[in-house]
Protein backbone atom coordinates (compact mmCIF):
# COMPACT_ATOMS: atom_id res chain seq x y z
CA UNK A 1 0.20 -0.31 0.07
CA UNK A 2 1.77 3.28 -1.12
CA UNK A 3 2.19 5.80 2.28
CA UNK A 4 0.85 9.44 1.20
CA UNK A 5 1.74 12.25 4.06
CA UNK A 6 -0.60 15.10 3.75
CA UNK A 7 0.73 18.45 5.27
CA UNK A 8 -2.37 21.35 5.78
CA UNK A 9 -2.96 22.99 8.71
CA UNK A 10 -6.60 23.39 7.36
CA UNK A 11 -8.34 20.54 9.16
CA UNK A 12 -11.20 20.13 6.65
CA UNK A 13 -8.86 20.01 3.60
CA UNK A 14 -6.36 17.54 5.57
CA UNK A 15 -9.94 15.51 6.08
CA UNK A 16 -11.52 16.09 2.80
CA UNK A 17 -7.98 14.55 1.47
CA UNK A 18 -7.12 11.70 3.65
CA UNK A 19 -10.60 10.85 3.29
CA UNK A 20 -10.03 10.46 -1.08
CA UNK A 21 -7.10 8.45 -0.83
CA UNK A 22 -8.19 6.19 1.98
CA UNK A 23 -10.58 5.83 -0.24
CA UNK A 24 -8.78 4.93 -2.99
CA UNK A 25 -6.50 2.48 -1.23
CA UNK A 26 -3.56 4.94 0.05
CA UNK A 27 -2.43 4.94 3.81
CA UNK A 28 -2.33 8.40 4.66
CA UNK A 29 -0.59 10.26 7.43
CA UNK A 30 -0.96 13.88 8.45
CA UNK A 31 0.08 16.51 9.67
CA UNK A 32 -0.41 21.00 10.29
CA UNK A 33 2.94 21.92 11.60
CA UNK A 34 5.95 22.71 9.06
CA UNK A 35 9.08 21.09 11.46
CA UNK A 36 6.77 17.77 12.53
CA UNK A 37 6.28 17.42 7.99
CA UNK A 38 10.40 17.21 7.77
CA UNK A 39 10.03 14.09 10.55
CA UNK A 40 7.36 13.03 9.35
CA UNK A 41 8.59 12.66 6.31
CA UNK A 42 11.84 11.44 7.76
CA UNK A 43 10.79 9.16 9.71
CA UNK A 44 8.01 7.37 7.89
CA UNK A 45 9.64 7.42 3.64
CA UNK A 46 5.81 8.02 2.23
CA UNK A 47 6.04 7.83 -1.25
CA UNK A 48 4.05 10.80 -1.99
CA UNK A 49 3.41 14.82 0.05
CA UNK A 50 1.02 17.12 -0.81
CA UNK A 51 2.17 20.30 1.07
CA UNK A 52 0.50 23.27 1.71
CA UNK A 53 2.27 26.58 0.54
CA UNK A 54 0.65 28.69 2.85
CA UNK A 55 1.57 27.09 6.85
CA UNK A 56 2.30 28.45 10.03
CA UNK A 57 5.90 29.44 11.32
CA UNK A 58 7.24 29.06 7.54
CA UNK A 59 6.38 28.62 4.02
CA UNK A 60 5.84 24.90 1.89
CA UNK A 61 8.43 26.08 -0.42
CA UNK A 62 10.61 26.16 3.09
CA UNK A 63 9.84 22.90 3.96
CA UNK A 64 10.21 21.56 0.34
CA UNK A 65 13.23 22.90 0.55
CA UNK A 66 14.77 21.55 3.63
CA UNK A 67 13.42 17.59 2.34
CA UNK A 68 15.29 17.99 -0.37
CA UNK A 69 18.31 18.46 1.23
CA UNK A 70 18.47 14.37 2.68
CA UNK A 71 18.84 12.24 1.34
CA UNK A 72 16.37 10.41 3.19
CA UNK A 73 13.72 12.75 1.52
CA UNK A 74 15.04 14.20 -1.59
CA UNK A 75 13.41 12.39 -4.08
CA UNK A 76 10.13 11.83 -2.26
CA UNK A 77 7.91 13.31 -5.47
CA UNK A 78 5.72 16.29 -3.78
CA UNK A 79 2.48 17.53 -5.26
CA UNK A 80 2.00 21.93 -3.56
CA UNK A 81 -1.70 22.97 -2.82
CA UNK A 82 -2.56 26.41 -2.44
CA UNK A 83 -5.66 28.88 -1.84
CA UNK A 84 -3.26 31.50 -3.36
CA UNK A 85 -2.72 30.64 -6.90
CA UNK A 86 -1.02 33.20 -8.33
CA UNK A 87 1.00 33.46 -11.59
CA UNK A 88 4.08 34.26 -9.35
CA UNK A 89 3.23 30.64 -6.44
CA UNK A 90 2.87 29.13 -10.21
CA UNK A 91 6.65 30.37 -11.42
CA UNK A 92 8.43 29.43 -8.21
CA UNK A 93 7.01 25.90 -7.77
CA UNK A 94 7.59 25.15 -11.61
CA UNK A 95 10.92 26.91 -10.88
CA UNK A 96 12.67 25.14 -7.29
CA UNK A 97 11.22 21.61 -9.26
CA UNK A 98 7.75 20.51 -7.30
CA UNK A 99 6.31 17.81 -9.33
CA UNK A 100 3.06 19.20 -9.21
CA UNK A 101 0.88 21.82 -8.69
CA UNK A 102 -3.24 21.79 -7.40
CA UNK A 103 -5.68 25.19 -6.54
CA UNK A 104 -7.86 25.23 -3.91
CA UNK A 105 -10.75 24.09 -4.53
CA UNK A 106 -10.14 21.31 -6.10
CA UNK A 107 -11.59 18.40 -7.29
CA UNK A 108 -10.56 14.86 -6.85
CA UNK A 109 -11.06 14.38 -10.58
CA UNK A 110 -8.09 16.29 -11.07
CA UNK A 111 -6.31 16.04 -7.63
CA UNK A 112 -6.22 11.48 -8.19
CA UNK A 113 -4.79 10.90 -11.31
CA UNK A 114 -1.52 13.28 -10.14
CA UNK A 115 -1.13 10.90 -7.21
CA UNK A 116 -1.32 8.08 -9.34
CA UNK A 117 0.78 9.39 -12.27
CA UNK A 118 3.18 10.39 -9.44
CA UNK A 119 3.22 7.10 -8.31
CA UNK A 120 3.96 5.49 -11.21
CA UNK A 121 0.37 3.76 -11.13
CA UNK A 122 -1.10 5.08 -14.21
CA UNK A 123 0.81 6.33 -18.20
CA UNK A 124 2.17 9.44 -17.67
């Protein structure tokens, strides 16, 4: 069973994502804290991380950059999610090399194909 770490400070979004991903056969781990995201990624070694850009204490982009510094987490694919999908944010996400991006609110019909593609469950 593929393991997905959801890092989002909005409990409603976290619950929605976890529910949909669990229903589709994924093992889900959640956190609402940036430093715990890094710790859980290191300890749990998820197959994918869904990471909110705007989180308390630091940004998801800073978390992503930290994850890429450690050999244990550098190759974990990341899908960024945000309620603020400006062109500047999209450009920054592309520049740092994130694997994908989804704007909130999103539809699971949009999310699940991206998750499956990054987990090599369907053709790219």
